[in-house]
Amino acid sequence: MDQGTFKYLSNTYMYTSTVLYKYLHIMYTIYTMQTICCTTNKLSTA
């Protein structure tokens, strides 16, 4: 494998992992907020 191919693969890997991390972070944030909202709603209606 030459230098160019290796650089391309490593850049692609870095980009993919960054996107995946941001996506997971957003999903986790939404999930947490939904959980908090549900808990608050149950407490307020109880």
C-alpha atoms as a PDB file:
ATOM      1  CA  MET A   1       0.000   0.000   0.000  1.00  0.00           C
ATOM      2  CA  ASP A   2       1.464   3.373  -0.965  1.00  0.00           C
ATOM      3  CA  GLN A   3       1.458   6.585   1.045  1.00  0.00           C
ATOM      4  CA  GLY A   4      -1.490   8.156  -0.773  1.00  0.00           C
ATOM      5  CA  THR A   5      -3.778   5.172  -0.232  1.00  0.00           C
ATOM      6  CA  PHE A   6      -2.840   4.967   3.427  1.00  0.00           C
ATOM      7  CA  LYS A   7      -3.475   8.685   3.925  1.00  0.00           C
ATOM      8  CA  TYR A   8      -6.842   8.397   2.185  1.00  0.00           C
ATOM      9  CA  LEU A   9      -7.870   5.423   4.338  1.00  0.00           C
ATOM     10  CA  SER A  10      -6.803   7.060   7.589  1.00  0.00           C
ATOM     11  CA  ASN A  11      -8.623  10.295   6.658  1.00  0.00           C
ATOM     12  CA  THR A  12     -11.758   8.329   5.794  1.00  0.00           C
ATOM     13  CA  TYR A  13     -11.540   6.459   9.087  1.00  0.00           C
ATOM     14  CA  MET A  14     -11.093   9.673  11.075  1.00  0.00           C
ATOM     15  CA  TYR A  15     -14.019  11.314   9.268  1.00  0.00           C
ATOM     16  CA  THR A  16     -16.292   8.289   9.767  1.00  0.00           C
ATOM     17  CA  SER A  17     -15.469   7.937  13.449  1.00  0.00           C
ATOM     18  CA  THR A  18     -16.038  11.666  14.019  1.00  0.00           C
ATOM     19  CA  VAL A  19     -19.432  11.556  12.299  1.00  0.00           C
ATOM     20  CA  LEU A  20     -20.414   8.424  14.203  1.00  0.00           C
ATOM     21  CA  TYR A  21     -19.348   9.979  17.498  1.00  0.00           C
ATOM     22  CA  LYS A  22     -21.348  13.150  16.843  1.00  0.00           C
ATOM     23  CA  TYR A  23     -24.372  11.090  15.761  1.00  0.00           C
ATOM     24  CA  LEU A  24     -24.228   8.922  18.884  1.00  0.00           C
ATOM     25  CA  HIS A  25     -23.784  12.002  21.057  1.00  0.00           C
ATOM     26  CA  ILE A  26     -26.864  13.649  19.535  1.00  0.00           C
ATOM     27  CA  MET A  27     -28.938  10.469  19.909  1.00  0.00           C
ATOM     28  CA  TYR A  28     -27.796  10.105  23.529  1.00  0.00           C
ATOM     29  CA  THR A  29     -28.692  13.728  24.267  1.00  0.00           C
ATOM     30  CA  ILE A  30     -32.165  13.326  22.739  1.00  0.00           C
ATOM     31  CA  TYR A  31     -32.701  10.092  24.649  1.00  0.00           C
ATOM     32  CA  THR A  32     -31.625  11.684  27.932  1.00  0.00           C
ATOM     33  CA  MET A  33     -33.868  14.707  27.398  1.00  0.00           C
ATOM     34  CA  GLN A  34     -36.835  12.476  26.551  1.00  0.00           C
ATOM     35  CA  THR A  35     -36.219  10.434  29.692  1.00  0.00           C
ATOM     36  CA  ILE A  36     -36.030  13.577  31.832  1.00  0.00           C
ATOM     37  CA  CYS A  37     -39.210  14.963  30.238  1.00  0.00           C
ATOM     38  CA  CYS A  38     -41.076  11.703  30.806  1.00  0.00           C
ATOM     39  CA  THR A  39     -39.949  11.547  34.418  1.00  0.00           C
ATOM     40  CA  THR A  40     -40.932  15.170  35.009  1.00  0.00           C
ATOM     41  CA  ASN A  41     -44.333  14.630  33.403  1.00  0.00           C
ATOM     42  CA  LYS A  42     -45.012  11.568  35.562  1.00  0.00           C
ATOM     43  CA  LEU A  43     -44.018  13.485  38.690  1.00  0.00           C
ATOM     44  CA  SER A  44     -46.173  16.488  37.810  1.00  0.00           C
ATOM     45  CA  THR A  45     -49.257  14.407  36.925  1.00  0.00           C
ATOM     46  CA  ALA A  46     -48.928  12.117  39.950  1.00  0.00           C
END
